[in-house]
Amino acid sequence: MKKPKKKEKSRLDDVIKAMRRGNREGQQEVLGPGFHSTSHVHRSKKTYTRKQKHKGTEE
C-alpha cells in the first residue's frame, strides 16, 4: 500500500496566485470581460492587408 503524500504549499505560491487573481479582476473591470493581450506588435501603416476596414478608404 502506498502512503498518501503530504501536500505542502508554500506561502509564496499563495501570494503569487492572489496577486494574479487580483490583477485579472482589475483588468476585467477596466477592459471588460474576455481575453485581452498585454503585449502586441505595432504594425507599420505600410503593412499590406486585404481587409477593407484596414485600407483607409471606406466604401
C-alpha atoms as a PDB file:
ATOM      1  CA  MET A   1       0.000   0.000   0.000  1.00  0.00           C
ATOM      2  CA  LYS A   2       1.189   3.443  -0.852  1.00  0.00           C
ATOM      3  CA  LYS A   3       1.096   6.123   1.766  1.00  0.00           C
ATOM      4  CA  PRO A   4      -0.735   9.296   0.777  1.00  0.00           C
ATOM      5  CA  LYS A   5       1.639  12.142   0.031  1.00  0.00           C
ATOM      6  CA  LYS A   6       1.521  15.210   2.187  1.00  0.00           C
ATOM      7  CA  LYS A   7       0.614  18.314   0.257  1.00  0.00           C
ATOM      8  CA  GLU A   8       2.910  21.162   1.108  1.00  0.00           C
ATOM      9  CA  LYS A   9       2.253  24.596  -0.284  1.00  0.00           C
ATOM     10  CA  SER A  10       4.476  27.491   0.257  1.00  0.00           C
ATOM     11  CA  ARG A  11       3.068  30.861   1.102  1.00  0.00           C
ATOM     12  CA  LEU A  12       4.860  32.334  -1.872  1.00  0.00           C
ATOM     13  CA  ASP A  13       2.686  30.308  -4.262  1.00  0.00           C
ATOM     14  CA  ASP A  14      -0.445  31.531  -2.493  1.00  0.00           C
ATOM     15  CA  VAL A  15       0.729  35.134  -2.672  1.00  0.00           C
ATOM     16  CA  ILE A  16       1.502  34.874  -6.387  1.00  0.00           C
ATOM     17  CA  LYS A  17      -1.888  33.299  -7.121  1.00  0.00           C
ATOM     18  CA  ALA A  18      -3.689  36.006  -5.150  1.00  0.00           C
ATOM     19  CA  MET A  19      -1.807  38.763  -6.986  1.00  0.00           C
ATOM     20  CA  ARG A  20      -2.591  37.232 -10.382  1.00  0.00           C
ATOM     21  CA  ARG A  21      -6.252  36.860  -9.469  1.00  0.00           C
ATOM     22  CA  GLY A  22      -6.392  40.499  -8.320  1.00  0.00           C
ATOM     23  CA  ASN A  23      -4.672  41.730 -11.484  1.00  0.00           C
ATOM     24  CA  ARG A  24      -7.037  39.706 -13.680  1.00  0.00           C
ATOM     25  CA  GLU A  25     -10.129  41.031 -11.866  1.00  0.00           C
ATOM     26  CA  GLY A  26      -8.852  44.608 -12.089  1.00  0.00           C
ATOM     27  CA  GLN A  27      -8.129  44.236 -15.789  1.00  0.00           C
ATOM     28  CA  GLN A  28     -11.626  42.863 -16.426  1.00  0.00           C
ATOM     29  CA  GLU A  29     -13.154  45.856 -14.623  1.00  0.00           C
ATOM     30  CA  VAL A  30     -11.255  48.266 -16.859  1.00  0.00           C
ATOM     31  CA  LEU A  31     -11.346  46.464 -20.215  1.00  0.00           C
ATOM     32  CA  GLY A  32     -14.443  44.283 -19.886  1.00  0.00           C
ATOM     33  CA  PRO A  33     -14.779  40.505 -19.845  1.00  0.00           C
ATOM     34  CA  GLY A  34     -12.833  38.214 -22.138  1.00  0.00           C
ATOM     35  CA  PHE A  35      -9.240  37.891 -23.258  1.00  0.00           C
ATOM     36  CA  HIS A  36      -7.073  40.993 -23.740  1.00  0.00           C
ATOM     37  CA  SER A  37      -3.472  40.633 -24.817  1.00  0.00           C
ATOM     38  CA  THR A  38      -0.963  42.507 -22.704  1.00  0.00           C
ATOM     39  CA  SER A  39       1.599  42.954 -25.445  1.00  0.00           C
ATOM     40  CA  HIS A  40       1.120  43.170 -29.177  1.00  0.00           C
ATOM     41  CA  VAL A  41       3.277  44.110 -32.128  1.00  0.00           C
ATOM     42  CA  HIS A  42       2.954  47.610 -33.557  1.00  0.00           C
ATOM     43  CA  ARG A  43       2.295  47.122 -37.240  1.00  0.00           C
ATOM     44  CA  SER A  44       3.502  49.636 -39.780  1.00  0.00           C
ATOM     45  CA  LYS A  45       0.986  51.544 -41.895  1.00  0.00           C
ATOM     46  CA  LYS A  46       2.759  50.124 -44.919  1.00  0.00           C
ATOM     47  CA  THR A  47       1.898  46.543 -43.983  1.00  0.00           C
ATOM     48  CA  TYR A  48      -0.330  45.029 -46.657  1.00  0.00           C
ATOM     49  CA  THR A  49      -3.729  43.714 -45.678  1.00  0.00           C
ATOM     50  CA  ARG A  50      -6.713  42.770 -47.801  1.00  0.00           C
ATOM     51  CA  LYS A  51      -9.322  43.654 -45.199  1.00  0.00           C
ATOM     52  CA  GLN A  52     -11.496  46.577 -46.205  1.00  0.00           C
ATOM     53  CA  LYS A  53     -11.530  48.086 -42.703  1.00  0.00           C
ATOM     54  CA  HIS A  54      -7.731  48.484 -42.788  1.00  0.00           C
ATOM     55  CA  LYS A  55      -7.450  50.065 -46.243  1.00  0.00           C
ATOM     56  CA  GLY A  56      -8.167  53.625 -45.155  1.00  0.00           C
ATOM     57  CA  THR A  57     -10.984  54.218 -47.642  1.00  0.00           C
ATOM     58  CA  GLU A  58     -14.430  53.206 -46.559  1.00  0.00           C
ATOM     59  CA  GLU A  59     -16.547  52.009 -49.440  1.00  0.00           C
END
